[in-house]
Amino acid sequence: ATPTVRAGKGNGELRFVAVGDTGKGGKGQLDVAHAIDAHCKQYGCDFVLLLGDNFYETGVSSVEDSLFRTRFEEPYAALSMPFYAVLGNHDYGANGAGLDFWRATFQVQYTSRSTKWRIPAEYYHFEKPVGTAALSAQFIGLDTQMILLGRAAVQRTDTSAWIRQSTAKWKIAFGHHPYSSNGPHGNAGEYNGIPLFGNTVKRFFDETICGKVDFYFAGHDHTLQYLDGGCAGTSFFVSGAGSAPTHNTTKNRTFYQSAELGFLYGVLLDDELSVSAVDASSKINYSRTYRKQQQEQQHE
């Protein structure tokens, strides 16, 4: 049976798409873009969380780079909502090693050139109203490449302060690198099967994110995953199938995983978040509801 998807048109729902690793271009990116458009026309969308690796293979070289047009503006021309983006390792250049720090500046600067591109800084936060009782949701965009490279002392301080000072009922973080993943990159602390690789990411999450936010959406691995088990109550998703899929393993327990192209769609209400997995043909393959009050989870 087709999973139930809560149509988010009205009644205070906050509706968003989470998709990453879109920047390959080509048919895969266009297919997912068309599926997002079709889904948003049917169910409604308020914004997109763009989860990094926005421009392969090595980011953009200036604010005038044609990749902004060919791999963002043109593929998503039918979508008028804001795209809140974060930076991935490929956005920092060096063919994915992520060492050309200057490249990030151009994606930040492009915010003032585009009607819908949003990266106000390398890491940032914003809040949106949700529900029927003047509640709000806080979204925190992380720069996980700088976390990976151990250049995130100020980011850690700022992120902790934002979370601590916010009165939002819901707190949702999003970034490029996952805390845990069944894709080829794997878990933080052992990325790519290398002991201690990504340990800076694991430590940042253990100290700053775990138990302090409700959900974390990541990309990096080009699959869709609902991880079964998080850290101290934080639930994890991977949504990196925005232009070119890879594959999954079974190392971590998941409620659902897929190696097909697609994206995740969230509908946030007063007391629950419903997350649906949608493939490039616009088919809804899975939906799961996470409840705030009862701390219970059910899939539909």
C-alpha atoms as a PDB file:
ATOM      1  CA  ALA A   1       0.000   0.000   0.000  1.00  0.00           C
ATOM      2  CA  THR A   2       1.126   3.529  -0.707  1.00  0.00           C
ATOM      3  CA  PRO A   3       2.317   5.166   2.519  1.00  0.00           C
ATOM      4  CA  THR A   4       0.164   7.959   3.869  1.00  0.00           C
ATOM      5  CA  VAL A   5       1.560  11.434   3.334  1.00  0.00           C
ATOM      6  CA  ARG A   6       0.114  14.302   5.285  1.00  0.00           C
ATOM      7  CA  ALA A   7      -0.827  17.017   2.815  1.00  0.00           C
ATOM      8  CA  GLY A   8       0.683  20.148   4.250  1.00  0.00           C
ATOM      9  CA  LYS A   9      -1.525  22.846   2.775  1.00  0.00           C
ATOM     10  CA  GLY A  10      -2.755  24.916   5.687  1.00  0.00           C
ATOM     11  CA  ASN A  11      -3.413  24.198   9.384  1.00  0.00           C
ATOM     12  CA  GLY A  12       0.008  25.488  10.400  1.00  0.00           C
ATOM     13  CA  GLU A  13       2.111  22.694   8.888  1.00  0.00           C
ATOM     14  CA  LEU A  14       5.697  23.501   7.934  1.00  0.00           C
ATOM     15  CA  ARG A  15       6.628  21.595   4.770  1.00  0.00           C
ATOM     16  CA  PHE A  16      10.139  21.068   3.450  1.00  0.00           C
ATOM     17  CA  VAL A  17      12.288  18.963   1.147  1.00  0.00           C
ATOM     18  CA  ALA A  18      15.684  17.629   2.271  1.00  0.00           C
ATOM     19  CA  VAL A  19      18.004  16.647  -0.577  1.00  0.00           C
ATOM     20  CA  GLY A  20      21.755  16.589  -1.015  1.00  0.00           C
ATOM     21  CA  ASP A  21      24.575  15.877  -3.432  1.00  0.00           C
ATOM     22  CA  THR A  22      22.577  17.449  -6.220  1.00  0.00           C
ATOM     23  CA  GLY A  23      25.461  19.061  -8.060  1.00  0.00           C
ATOM     24  CA  LYS A  24      26.371  16.338 -10.557  1.00  0.00           C
ATOM     25  CA  GLY A  25      24.093  17.829 -13.195  1.00  0.00           C
ATOM     26  CA  GLY A  26      22.711  15.696 -15.991  1.00  0.00           C
ATOM     27  CA  LYS A  27      19.604  13.552 -16.155  1.00  0.00           C
ATOM     28  CA  GLY A  28      19.730  12.352 -12.551  1.00  0.00           C
ATOM     29  CA  GLN A  29      19.580  15.847 -11.125  1.00  0.00           C
ATOM     30  CA  LEU A  30      16.816  16.852 -13.528  1.00  0.00           C
ATOM     31  CA  ASP A  31      14.749  13.757 -12.731  1.00  0.00           C
ATOM     32  CA  VAL A  32      14.894  14.475  -8.992  1.00  0.00           C
ATOM     33  CA  ALA A  33      14.165  18.173  -9.593  1.00  0.00           C
ATOM     34  CA  HIS A  34      11.053  17.257 -11.601  1.00  0.00           C
ATOM     35  CA  ALA A  35       9.945  14.850  -8.846  1.00  0.00           C
ATOM     36  CA  ILE A  36      10.355  17.589  -6.228  1.00  0.00           C
ATOM     37  CA  ASP A  37       8.307  19.946  -8.369  1.00  0.00           C
ATOM     38  CA  ALA A  38       5.524  17.382  -8.822  1.00  0.00           C
ATOM     39  CA  HIS A  39       5.460  16.531  -5.105  1.00  0.00           C
ATOM     40  CA  CYS A  40       5.420  20.173  -4.053  1.00  0.00           C
ATOM     41  CA  LYS A  41       2.595  20.959  -6.444  1.00  0.00           C
ATOM     42  CA  GLN A  42       0.533  18.153  -4.905  1.00  0.00           C
ATOM     43  CA  TYR A  43       1.413  18.492  -1.226  1.00  0.00           C
ATOM     44  CA  GLY A  44       2.904  21.954  -0.824  1.00  0.00           C
ATOM     45  CA  CYS A  45       6.457  23.016   0.060  1.00  0.00           C
ATOM     46  CA  ASP A  46       7.727  25.958   2.067  1.00  0.00           C
ATOM     47  CA  PHE A  47      11.460  25.535   1.520  1.00  0.00           C
ATOM     48  CA  VAL A  48      14.261  23.135   0.609  1.00  0.00           C
ATOM     49  CA  LEU A  49      17.200  22.043   2.753  1.00  0.00           C
ATOM     50  CA  LEU A  50      20.095  21.557   0.310  1.00  0.00           C
ATOM     51  CA  LEU A  51      22.545  19.229   2.033  1.00  0.00           C
ATOM     52  CA  GLY A  52      25.862  20.034   0.374  1.00  0.00           C
ATOM     53  CA  ASP A  53      28.001  19.001  -2.576  1.00  0.00           C
ATOM     54  CA  ASN A  54      25.968  21.527  -4.453  1.00  0.00           C
ATOM     55  CA  PHE A  55      28.554  21.739  -7.273  1.00  0.00           C
ATOM     56  CA  TYR A  56      30.734  18.839  -8.376  1.00  0.00           C
ATOM     57  CA  GLU A  57      33.544  18.093  -8.698  1.00  0.00           C
ATOM     58  CA  THR A  58      35.311  21.047  -7.210  1.00  0.00           C
ATOM     59  CA  GLY A  59      32.847  23.760  -6.240  1.00  0.00           C
ATOM     60  CA  VAL A  60      32.564  27.120  -7.987  1.00  0.00           C
ATOM     61  CA  SER A  61      35.417  29.433  -8.948  1.00  0.00           C
ATOM     62  CA  SER A  62      33.602  32.777  -8.663  1.00  0.00           C
ATOM     63  CA  VAL A  63      30.193  34.258  -7.943  1.00  0.00           C
ATOM     64  CA  GLU A  64      29.805  34.471 -11.737  1.00  0.00           C
ATOM     65  CA  ASP A  65      30.495  30.754 -12.257  1.00  0.00           C
ATOM     66  CA  SER A  66      28.113  29.260 -14.836  1.00  0.00           C
ATOM     67  CA  LEU A  67      27.482  26.288 -12.539  1.00  0.00           C
ATOM     68  CA  PHE A  68      25.129  28.462 -10.502  1.00  0.00           C
ATOM     69  CA  ARG A  69      22.958  28.660 -13.601  1.00  0.00           C
ATOM     70  CA  THR A  70      23.352  25.150 -15.019  1.00  0.00           C
ATOM     71  CA  ARG A  71      23.252  23.176 -11.744  1.00  0.00           C
ATOM     72  CA  PHE A  72      20.964  25.301  -9.634  1.00  0.00           C
ATOM     73  CA  GLU A  73      18.859  27.969 -11.303  1.00  0.00           C
ATOM     74  CA  GLU A  74      17.923  25.977 -14.406  1.00  0.00           C
ATOM     75  CA  PRO A  75      17.235  22.547 -12.820  1.00  0.00           C
ATOM     76  CA  TYR A  76      15.034  24.113 -10.124  1.00  0.00           C
ATOM     77  CA  ALA A  77      13.477  26.878 -12.243  1.00  0.00           C
ATOM     78  CA  ALA A  78       9.961  25.596 -11.505  1.00  0.00           C
ATOM     79  CA  LEU A  79      10.532  25.852  -7.726  1.00  0.00           C
ATOM     80  CA  SER A  80      10.123  29.300  -6.217  1.00  0.00           C
ATOM     81  CA  MET A  81      10.638  28.506  -2.530  1.00  0.00           C
ATOM     82  CA  PRO A  82      13.912  29.284  -0.685  1.00  0.00           C
ATOM     83  CA  PHE A  83      16.767  26.764  -0.818  1.00  0.00           C
ATOM     84  CA  TYR A  84      18.682  26.817   2.475  1.00  0.00           C
ATOM     85  CA  ALA A  85      22.005  25.273   1.531  1.00  0.00           C
ATOM     86  CA  VAL A  86      25.066  24.030   3.384  1.00  0.00           C
ATOM     87  CA  LEU A  87      28.545  23.301   2.090  1.00  0.00           C
ATOM     88  CA  GLY A  88      29.966  19.875   1.312  1.00  0.00           C
ATOM     89  CA  ASN A  89      33.502  18.648   0.785  1.00  0.00           C
ATOM     90  CA  HIS A  90      33.217  19.088  -2.998  1.00  0.00           C
ATOM     91  CA  ASP A  91      32.018  22.663  -2.509  1.00  0.00           C
ATOM     92  CA  TYR A  92      35.349  23.321  -0.810  1.00  0.00           C
ATOM     93  CA  GLY A  93      37.176  22.145  -3.915  1.00  0.00           C
ATOM     94  CA  ALA A  94      40.370  20.150  -4.352  1.00  0.00           C
ATOM     95  CA  ASN A  95      38.323  17.500  -6.149  1.00  0.00           C
ATOM     96  CA  GLY A  96      36.470  16.659  -2.959  1.00  0.00           C
ATOM     97  CA  ALA A  97      39.365  16.898  -0.523  1.00  0.00           C
ATOM     98  CA  GLY A  98      37.779  20.181   0.535  1.00  0.00           C
ATOM     99  CA  LEU A  99      40.929  22.225   1.041  1.00  0.00           C
ATOM    100  CA  ASP A 100      40.236  25.264  -1.170  1.00  0.00           C
ATOM    101  CA  PHE A 101      38.665  27.268   1.622  1.00  0.00           C
ATOM    102  CA  TRP A 102      38.213  30.385  -0.510  1.00  0.00           C
ATOM    103  CA  ARG A 103      35.642  28.641  -2.728  1.00  0.00           C
ATOM    104  CA  ALA A 104      32.991  28.694  -0.017  1.00  0.00           C
ATOM    105  CA  THR A 105      32.850  32.482  -0.110  1.00  0.00           C
ATOM    106  CA  PHE A 106      31.298  32.487  -3.565  1.00  0.00           C
ATOM    107  CA  GLN A 107      28.345  30.360  -2.501  1.00  0.00           C
ATOM    108  CA  VAL A 108      27.756  32.730   0.420  1.00  0.00           C
ATOM    109  CA  GLN A 109      28.003  35.748  -1.878  1.00  0.00           C
ATOM    110  CA  TYR A 110      25.584  34.217  -4.378  1.00  0.00           C
ATOM    111  CA  THR A 111      22.820  34.593  -1.785  1.00  0.00           C
ATOM    112  CA  SER A 112      22.528  38.259  -2.806  1.00  0.00           C
ATOM    113  CA  ARG A 113      22.354  37.348  -6.517  1.00  0.00           C
ATOM    114  CA  SER A 114      19.563  34.779  -6.416  1.00  0.00           C
ATOM    115  CA  THR A 115      15.893  34.993  -5.532  1.00  0.00           C
ATOM    116  CA  LYS A 116      15.971  31.636  -3.732  1.00  0.00           C
ATOM    117  CA  TRP A 117      19.567  30.586  -2.910  1.00  0.00           C
ATOM    118  CA  ARG A 118      20.250  30.986   0.811  1.00  0.00           C
ATOM    119  CA  ILE A 119      23.669  30.591   2.436  1.00  0.00           C
ATOM    120  CA  PRO A 120      23.984  33.688   4.636  1.00  0.00           C
ATOM    121  CA  ALA A 121      27.221  32.312   6.117  1.00  0.00           C
ATOM    122  CA  GLU A 122      29.226  29.092   6.098  1.00  0.00           C
ATOM    123  CA  TYR A 123      27.088  27.997   9.056  1.00  0.00           C
ATOM    124  CA  TYR A 124      23.925  29.678  10.290  1.00  0.00           C
ATOM    125  CA  HIS A 125      20.486  29.217  11.809  1.00  0.00           C
ATOM    126  CA  PHE A 126      16.929  30.400  11.256  1.00  0.00           C
ATOM    127  CA  GLU A 127      13.487  29.853  12.735  1.00  0.00           C
ATOM    128  CA  LYS A 128      10.082  29.237  11.153  1.00  0.00           C
ATOM    129  CA  PRO A 129       6.601  29.281  12.690  1.00  0.00           C
ATOM    130  CA  VAL A 130       4.926  25.890  12.944  1.00  0.00           C
ATOM    131  CA  GLY A 131       1.644  24.530  14.217  1.00  0.00           C
ATOM    132  CA  THR A 132      -1.430  26.234  15.543  1.00  0.00           C
ATOM    133  CA  ALA A 133      -0.156  27.561  18.863  1.00  0.00           C
ATOM    134  CA  ALA A 134       2.492  30.136  17.886  1.00  0.00           C
ATOM    135  CA  LEU A 135       5.234  27.523  18.094  1.00  0.00           C
ATOM    136  CA  SER A 136       8.438  27.624  16.100  1.00  0.00           C
ATOM    137  CA  ALA A 137      11.100  25.350  14.659  1.00  0.00           C
ATOM    138  CA  GLN A 138      14.793  26.147  14.696  1.00  0.00           C
ATOM    139  CA  PHE A 139      16.960  24.997  11.780  1.00  0.00           C
ATOM    140  CA  ILE A 140      20.738  24.937  12.146  1.00  0.00           C
ATOM    141  CA  GLY A 141      22.892  24.667   9.026  1.00  0.00           C
ATOM    142  CA  LEU A 142      26.297  23.204   9.884  1.00  0.00           C
ATOM    143  CA  ASP A 143      29.591  23.493   8.004  1.00  0.00           C
ATOM    144  CA  THR A 144      30.665  19.893   8.485  1.00  0.00           C
ATOM    145  CA  GLN A 145      33.703  20.142   6.216  1.00  0.00           C
ATOM    146  CA  MET A 146      35.291  22.585   8.650  1.00  0.00           C
ATOM    147  CA  ILE A 147      34.242  20.310  11.506  1.00  0.00           C
ATOM    148  CA  LEU A 148      35.908  17.388   9.705  1.00  0.00           C
ATOM    149  CA  LEU A 149      39.134  19.374   9.349  1.00  0.00           C
ATOM    150  CA  GLY A 150      39.164  20.435  12.986  1.00  0.00           C
ATOM    151  CA  ARG A 151      38.515  24.107  12.190  1.00  0.00           C
ATOM    152  CA  ALA A 152      35.243  24.501  14.074  1.00  0.00           C
ATOM    153  CA  ALA A 153      35.966  25.886  17.547  1.00  0.00           C
ATOM    154  CA  VAL A 154      33.920  29.033  16.960  1.00  0.00           C
ATOM    155  CA  GLN A 155      31.220  27.070  15.137  1.00  0.00           C
ATOM    156  CA  ARG A 156      30.901  24.789  18.178  1.00  0.00           C
ATOM    157  CA  THR A 157      30.527  27.769  20.519  1.00  0.00           C
ATOM    158  CA  ASP A 158      28.011  29.495  18.258  1.00  0.00           C
ATOM    159  CA  THR A 159      25.956  26.350  17.644  1.00  0.00           C
ATOM    160  CA  SER A 160      25.736  25.567  21.345  1.00  0.00           C
ATOM    161  CA  ALA A 161      24.609  29.119  22.075  1.00  0.00           C
ATOM    162  CA  TRP A 162      21.966  29.080  19.334  1.00  0.00           C
ATOM    163  CA  ILE A 163      20.500  25.834  20.616  1.00  0.00           C
ATOM    164  CA  ARG A 164      20.622  26.915  24.244  1.00  0.00           C
ATOM    165  CA  GLN A 165      19.072  30.333  23.642  1.00  0.00           C
ATOM    166  CA  SER A 166      16.297  29.227  21.292  1.00  0.00           C
ATOM    167  CA  THR A 167      12.784  28.808  22.646  1.00  0.00           C
ATOM    168  CA  ALA A 168      11.723  26.819  19.564  1.00  0.00           C
ATOM    169  CA  LYS A 169       9.761  23.653  20.280  1.00  0.00           C
ATOM    170  CA  TRP A 170      11.523  21.796  17.453  1.00  0.00           C
ATOM    171  CA  LYS A 171      15.240  21.880  16.766  1.00  0.00           C
ATOM    172  CA  ILE A 172      16.505  20.463  13.480  1.00  0.00           C
ATOM    173  CA  ALA A 173      20.117  20.476  12.294  1.00  0.00           C
ATOM    174  CA  PHE A 174      21.266  19.843   8.752  1.00  0.00           C
ATOM    175  CA  GLY A 175      24.698  19.435   7.234  1.00  0.00           C
ATOM    176  CA  HIS A 176      26.656  17.444   4.701  1.00  0.00           C
ATOM    177  CA  HIS A 177      28.525  14.727   6.594  1.00  0.00           C
ATOM    178  CA  PRO A 178      26.463  12.088   8.450  1.00  0.00           C
ATOM    179  CA  TYR A 179      26.926  10.935  12.015  1.00  0.00           C
ATOM    180  CA  SER A 180      26.029   7.406  10.956  1.00  0.00           C
ATOM    181  CA  SER A 181      25.351   5.981   7.513  1.00  0.00           C
ATOM    182  CA  ASN A 182      25.110   2.700   5.635  1.00  0.00           C
ATOM    183  CA  GLY A 183      26.503   4.282   2.480  1.00  0.00           C
ATOM    184  CA  PRO A 184      30.094   3.958   1.212  1.00  0.00           C
ATOM    185  CA  HIS A 185      31.398   6.753   3.466  1.00  0.00           C
ATOM    186  CA  GLY A 186      30.022   5.107   6.595  1.00  0.00           C
ATOM    187  CA  ASN A 187      29.981   6.389  10.150  1.00  0.00           C
ATOM    188  CA  ALA A 188      31.788   9.381  11.610  1.00  0.00           C
ATOM    189  CA  GLY A 189      34.973   8.186  13.261  1.00  0.00           C
ATOM    190  CA  GLU A 190      35.515   5.543  10.611  1.00  0.00           C
ATOM    191  CA  TYR A 191      34.652   7.308   7.349  1.00  0.00           C
ATOM    192  CA  ASN A 192      35.710   5.302   4.288  1.00  0.00           C
ATOM    193  CA  GLY A 193      36.652   2.426   6.588  1.00  0.00           C
ATOM    194  CA  ILE A 194      39.566   4.381   8.054  1.00  0.00           C
ATOM    195  CA  PRO A 195      39.830   4.345  11.875  1.00  0.00           C
ATOM    196  CA  LEU A 196      39.461   7.804  13.459  1.00  0.00           C
ATOM    197  CA  PHE A 197      38.610   9.442  10.095  1.00  0.00           C
ATOM    198  CA  GLY A 198      35.810  11.845  10.862  1.00  0.00           C
ATOM    199  CA  ASN A 199      36.393  11.553  14.590  1.00  0.00           C
ATOM    200  CA  THR A 200      36.186  15.354  14.782  1.00  0.00           C
ATOM    201  CA  VAL A 201      32.653  15.110  13.353  1.00  0.00           C
ATOM    202  CA  LYS A 202      31.678  12.417  15.850  1.00  0.00           C
ATOM    203  CA  ARG A 203      33.050  14.414  18.753  1.00  0.00           C
ATOM    204  CA  PHE A 204      31.282  17.609  17.612  1.00  0.00           C
ATOM    205  CA  PHE A 205      27.975  15.759  17.448  1.00  0.00           C
ATOM    206  CA  ASP A 206      28.472  13.920  20.721  1.00  0.00           C
ATOM    207  CA  GLU A 207      29.189  17.189  22.503  1.00  0.00           C
ATOM    208  CA  THR A 208      27.022  19.702  20.650  1.00  0.00           C
ATOM    209  CA  ILE A 209      24.148  18.018  18.786  1.00  0.00           C
ATOM    210  CA  CYS A 210      23.248  14.702  20.442  1.00  0.00           C
ATOM    211  CA  GLY A 211      20.218  15.044  22.679  1.00  0.00           C
ATOM    212  CA  LYS A 212      20.052  18.774  22.016  1.00  0.00           C
ATOM    213  CA  VAL A 213      18.294  18.703  18.645  1.00  0.00           C
ATOM    214  CA  ASP A 214      15.433  16.479  17.557  1.00  0.00           C
ATOM    215  CA  PHE A 215      16.660  15.571  14.062  1.00  0.00           C
ATOM    216  CA  TYR A 216      19.709  15.787  11.829  1.00  0.00           C
ATOM    217  CA  PHE A 217      19.547  15.588   8.018  1.00  0.00           C
ATOM    218  CA  ALA A 218      22.775  14.822   6.125  1.00  0.00           C
ATOM    219  CA  GLY A 219      23.977  13.949   2.641  1.00  0.00           C
ATOM    220  CA  HIS A 220      27.455  12.777   1.565  1.00  0.00           C
ATOM    221  CA  ASP A 221      26.300   9.213   0.866  1.00  0.00           C
ATOM    222  CA  HIS A 222      24.097   9.198  -2.212  1.00  0.00           C
ATOM    223  CA  THR A 223      21.220   7.205  -0.744  1.00  0.00           C
ATOM    224  CA  LEU A 224      18.116   7.637   1.404  1.00  0.00           C
ATOM    225  CA  GLN A 225      18.242   6.353   4.982  1.00  0.00           C
ATOM    226  CA  TYR A 226      16.131   6.541   8.143  1.00  0.00           C
ATOM    227  CA  LEU A 227      18.587   5.423  10.815  1.00  0.00           C
ATOM    228  CA  ASP A 228      17.200   3.289  13.647  1.00  0.00           C
ATOM    229  CA  GLY A 229      18.922   4.686  16.684  1.00  0.00           C
ATOM    230  CA  GLY A 230      20.607   8.005  17.121  1.00  0.00           C
ATOM    231  CA  CYS A 231      22.455   9.587  19.969  1.00  0.00           C
ATOM    232  CA  ALA A 232      20.670  10.605  23.152  1.00  0.00           C
ATOM    233  CA  GLY A 233      17.334  10.956  21.391  1.00  0.00           C
ATOM    234  CA  THR A 234      18.443  12.695  18.196  1.00  0.00           C
ATOM    235  CA  SER A 235      17.176  10.923  15.069  1.00  0.00           C
ATOM    236  CA  PHE A 236      19.264  10.770  11.896  1.00  0.00           C
ATOM    237  CA  PHE A 237      18.429  10.834   8.201  1.00  0.00           C
ATOM    238  CA  VAL A 238      20.607  10.613   5.094  1.00  0.00           C
ATOM    239  CA  SER A 239      19.284  12.180   1.898  1.00  0.00           C
ATOM    240  CA  GLY A 240      22.096  12.408  -0.629  1.00  0.00           C
ATOM    241  CA  ALA A 241      20.386  10.878  -3.663  1.00  0.00           C
ATOM    242  CA  GLY A 242      19.810  14.162  -5.474  1.00  0.00           C
ATOM    243  CA  SER A 243      21.688  13.459  -8.700  1.00  0.00           C
ATOM    244  CA  ALA A 244      23.704  10.215  -8.708  1.00  0.00           C
ATOM    245  CA  PRO A 245      22.990   7.191  -6.481  1.00  0.00           C
ATOM    246  CA  THR A 246      25.561   4.880  -4.863  1.00  0.00           C
ATOM    247  CA  HIS A 247      24.722   1.926  -2.598  1.00  0.00           C
ATOM    248  CA  ASN A 248      23.929   0.949   0.987  1.00  0.00           C
ATOM    249  CA  THR A 249      25.242  -1.693   3.375  1.00  0.00           C
ATOM    250  CA  THR A 250      23.503  -3.094   6.452  1.00  0.00           C
ATOM    251  CA  LYS A 251      26.023  -2.051   9.087  1.00  0.00           C
ATOM    252  CA  ASN A 252      23.624   0.236  10.955  1.00  0.00           C
ATOM    253  CA  ARG A 253      20.017  -0.619  11.709  1.00  0.00           C
ATOM    254  CA  THR A 254      17.575   1.361   9.625  1.00  0.00           C
ATOM    255  CA  PHE A 255      13.823   1.730   9.482  1.00  0.00           C
ATOM    256  CA  TYR A 256      14.180   2.261   5.746  1.00  0.00           C
ATOM    257  CA  GLN A 257      16.914   2.697   3.188  1.00  0.00           C
ATOM    258  CA  SER A 258      17.092   2.959  -0.588  1.00  0.00           C
ATOM    259  CA  ALA A 259      19.844   3.410  -3.162  1.00  0.00           C
ATOM    260  CA  GLU A 260      17.486   4.955  -5.708  1.00  0.00           C
ATOM    261  CA  LEU A 261      17.490   8.597  -6.721  1.00  0.00           C
ATOM    262  CA  GLY A 262      15.105  10.675  -4.652  1.00  0.00           C
ATOM    263  CA  PHE A 263      14.589  12.982  -1.693  1.00  0.00           C
ATOM    264  CA  LEU A 264      12.959  13.250   1.728  1.00  0.00           C
ATOM    265  CA  TYR A 265       9.864  15.334   2.393  1.00  0.00           C
ATOM    266  CA  GLY A 266       9.005  16.549   5.883  1.00  0.00           C
ATOM    267  CA  VAL A 267       5.754  17.901   7.289  1.00  0.00           C
ATOM    268  CA  LEU A 268       6.163  19.417  10.735  1.00  0.00           C
ATOM    269  CA  LEU A 269       3.131  19.881  12.999  1.00  0.00           C
ATOM    270  CA  ASP A 270       2.596  20.873  16.627  1.00  0.00           C
ATOM    271  CA  ASP A 271       3.734  17.544  18.023  1.00  0.00           C
ATOM    272  CA  GLU A 272       5.041  15.435  15.146  1.00  0.00           C
ATOM    273  CA  LEU A 273       7.245  15.312  12.086  1.00  0.00           C
ATOM    274  CA  SER A 274       6.201  13.085   9.198  1.00  0.00           C
ATOM    275  CA  VAL A 275       9.048  12.223   6.800  1.00  0.00           C
ATOM    276  CA  SER A 276       8.384  10.602   3.425  1.00  0.00           C
ATOM    277  CA  ALA A 277      10.873   9.052   1.001  1.00  0.00           C
ATOM    278  CA  VAL A 278      10.054   9.991  -2.591  1.00  0.00           C
ATOM    279  CA  ASP A 279      11.851   8.581  -5.635  1.00  0.00           C
ATOM    280  CA  ALA A 280      12.657  10.227  -8.965  1.00  0.00           C
ATOM    281  CA  SER A 281       9.374   9.023 -10.464  1.00  0.00           C
ATOM    282  CA  SER A 282       7.496  10.904  -7.705  1.00  0.00           C
ATOM    283  CA  LYS A 283       6.491   7.640  -6.019  1.00  0.00           C
ATOM    284  CA  ILE A 284       6.229   7.728  -2.230  1.00  0.00           C
ATOM    285  CA  ASN A 285       8.003   4.598  -1.000  1.00  0.00           C
ATOM    286  CA  TYR A 286       7.976   5.077   2.771  1.00  0.00           C
ATOM    287  CA  SER A 287       6.662   7.431   5.431  1.00  0.00           C
ATOM    288  CA  ARG A 288       7.390   7.575   9.128  1.00  0.00           C
ATOM    289  CA  THR A 289       5.995   9.822  11.831  1.00  0.00           C
ATOM    290  CA  TYR A 290       8.137  10.974  14.762  1.00  0.00           C
ATOM    291  CA  ARG A 291       6.143  12.273  17.717  1.00  0.00           C
ATOM    292  CA  LYS A 292       7.432  14.969  20.037  1.00  0.00           C
ATOM    293  CA  GLN A 293       5.391  14.458  23.194  1.00  0.00           C
ATOM    294  CA  GLN A 294       5.171  10.702  23.535  1.00  0.00           C
ATOM    295  CA  GLN A 295       8.678  10.107  22.181  1.00  0.00           C
ATOM    296  CA  GLU A 296       7.182   7.330  20.104  1.00  0.00           C
ATOM    297  CA  GLN A 297       7.734   6.585  16.434  1.00  0.00           C
ATOM    298  CA  GLN A 298       5.438   4.916  14.002  1.00  0.00           C
ATOM    299  CA  HIS A 299       5.579   4.277  10.294  1.00  0.00           C
ATOM    300  CA  GLU A 300       2.550   4.514   8.125  1.00  0.00           C
END
